[in-house]
Amino acid sequence: MRIFLSWSGERSKAAALGLKSLIEDTFPEAVQVFISDHIEAGETWARRLENELEQSEFGILCLTQDNFQAPWLLFEAGAISKKFGSTRVIPYLIDTLPAAAERSPLAQFQR
């Protein structure tokens, strides 16, 4: 299974990196986890991101009060959820989201 970890901002990135390690350590041969921090220097990031989004079967959004409306996070959530009828997009709450999060496109994913 391929998992796409989405983040935006330093706290979210730190949580995504920790979650990636935890998932890979727990299921070493069953999953591959992608986080955009691992795009190589000189690599065409948009092409790599597109490829990873297309191959992923599962998405985890690392959400904070500061990033729940971040454009790239919303884009990645939409790309994963649109591609697959049965794909899961899971919000991973790092802290309590503000009331405005209920009006976010991410509210469609049960938290």
Protein backbone atom coordinates (compact mmCIF):
# COMPACT_ATOMS: atom_id res chain seq x y z
CA MET A 1 0.00 0.00 0.00
CA ARG A 2 1.21 3.51 -0.81
CA ILE A 3 0.43 6.32 1.63
CA PHE A 4 0.72 10.01 0.84
CA LEU A 5 1.40 12.23 3.87
CA SER A 6 0.34 15.84 3.34
CA TRP A 7 1.64 18.70 5.46
CA SER A 8 2.00 22.48 5.45
CA GLY A 9 4.11 24.42 7.95
CA GLU A 10 6.85 23.37 10.34
CA ARG A 11 4.72 21.73 13.06
CA SER A 12 2.75 19.79 10.48
CA LYS A 13 5.97 18.74 8.72
CA ALA A 14 7.49 17.50 11.99
CA ALA A 15 4.34 15.48 12.72
CA ALA A 16 4.34 14.04 9.18
CA LEU A 17 7.98 12.97 9.46
CA GLY A 18 7.30 11.32 12.84
CA LEU A 19 4.18 9.59 11.51
CA LYS A 20 6.11 8.36 8.46
CA SER A 21 8.73 6.76 10.71
CA LEU A 22 6.08 5.18 12.91
CA ILE A 23 4.15 3.71 9.97
CA GLU A 24 7.27 2.38 8.25
CA ASP A 25 8.64 0.90 11.49
CA THR A 26 5.29 -0.76 12.27
CA PHE A 27 4.65 -2.11 8.76
CA PRO A 28 8.13 -2.30 7.20
CA GLU A 29 7.21 -4.41 4.18
CA ALA A 30 3.52 -3.62 3.80
CA VAL A 31 3.58 0.13 3.10
CA GLN A 32 5.48 2.83 1.27
CA VAL A 33 5.05 6.33 2.66
CA PHE A 34 5.70 9.49 0.65
CA ILE A 35 6.25 12.93 2.11
CA SER A 36 7.23 15.84 -0.13
CA ASP A 37 10.26 16.55 2.06
CA HIS A 38 11.91 13.66 0.21
CA ILE A 39 11.94 15.25 -3.25
CA GLU A 40 15.55 15.37 -4.42
CA ALA A 41 17.34 18.60 -5.36
CA GLY A 42 16.99 19.22 -9.08
CA GLU A 43 14.02 16.88 -9.40
CA THR A 44 10.90 18.31 -11.07
CA TRP A 45 8.78 18.58 -7.94
CA ALA A 46 5.43 19.01 -9.72
CA ARG A 47 5.95 15.85 -11.79
CA ARG A 48 7.08 13.86 -8.74
CA LEU A 49 4.13 15.10 -6.69
CA GLU A 50 1.70 14.21 -9.48
CA ASN A 51 3.22 10.74 -9.76
CA GLU A 52 3.05 10.12 -6.02
CA LEU A 53 -0.54 11.37 -5.78
CA GLU A 54 -1.54 9.10 -8.66
CA GLN A 55 0.08 6.03 -7.11
CA SER A 56 -1.15 6.59 -3.55
CA GLU A 57 -4.04 4.57 -2.22
CA PHE A 58 -4.37 6.37 1.09
CA GLY A 59 -3.84 9.97 2.21
CA ILE A 60 -3.15 11.40 5.65
CA LEU A 61 -3.49 15.16 6.18
CA CYS A 62 -1.44 16.54 9.08
CA LEU A 63 -3.67 19.41 10.21
CA THR A 64 -2.97 22.31 12.54
CA GLN A 65 -4.84 25.50 13.40
CA ASP A 66 -2.54 27.32 10.99
CA ASN A 67 -2.74 25.07 7.92
CA PHE A 68 -6.29 23.73 7.59
CA GLN A 69 -6.86 26.15 4.69
CA ALA A 70 -3.41 25.84 3.09
CA PRO A 71 -3.82 25.68 -0.71
CA TRP A 72 -1.40 22.79 -1.34
CA LEU A 73 -2.86 20.72 1.48
CA LEU A 74 -6.36 21.22 0.05
CA PHE A 75 -5.09 20.41 -3.46
CA GLU A 76 -3.45 17.17 -2.31
CA ALA A 77 -6.55 16.11 -0.35
CA GLY A 78 -8.73 16.72 -3.40
CA ALA A 79 -6.36 14.91 -5.76
CA ILE A 80 -6.29 11.80 -3.59
CA SER A 81 -10.03 11.73 -2.87
CA LYS A 82 -11.05 12.36 -6.49
CA LYS A 83 -8.86 9.69 -8.02
CA PHE A 84 -10.27 6.76 -6.10
CA GLY A 85 -13.86 5.95 -5.24
CA SER A 86 -12.84 3.98 -2.18
CA THR A 87 -9.62 5.74 -1.22
CA ARG A 88 -9.39 7.04 2.30
CA VAL A 89 -8.31 10.54 3.22
CA ILE A 90 -7.71 10.79 6.94
CA PRO A 91 -7.30 14.09 8.81
CA TYR A 92 -4.62 13.72 11.49
CA LEU A 93 -5.31 16.52 13.97
CA ILE A 94 -2.18 17.90 15.58
CA ASP A 95 -4.16 20.38 17.65
CA THR A 96 -7.75 21.57 17.96
CA LEU A 97 -8.96 23.27 14.80
CA PRO A 98 -10.87 26.57 14.94
CA ALA A 99 -14.62 26.69 14.37
CA ALA A 100 -13.99 27.92 10.80
CA ALA A 101 -12.69 24.43 9.96
CA GLU A 102 -16.29 23.22 9.83
CA ARG A 103 -16.69 25.30 6.63
CA SER A 104 -13.49 23.97 5.08
CA PRO A 105 -13.55 21.51 2.18
CA LEU A 106 -11.72 19.16 4.54
CA ALA A 107 -14.85 18.89 6.72
CA GLN A 108 -16.15 16.26 4.30
CA PHE A 109 -13.57 13.84 5.68
CA GLN A 110 -14.79 12.54 9.02
CA ARG A 111 -12.50 13.70 11.82
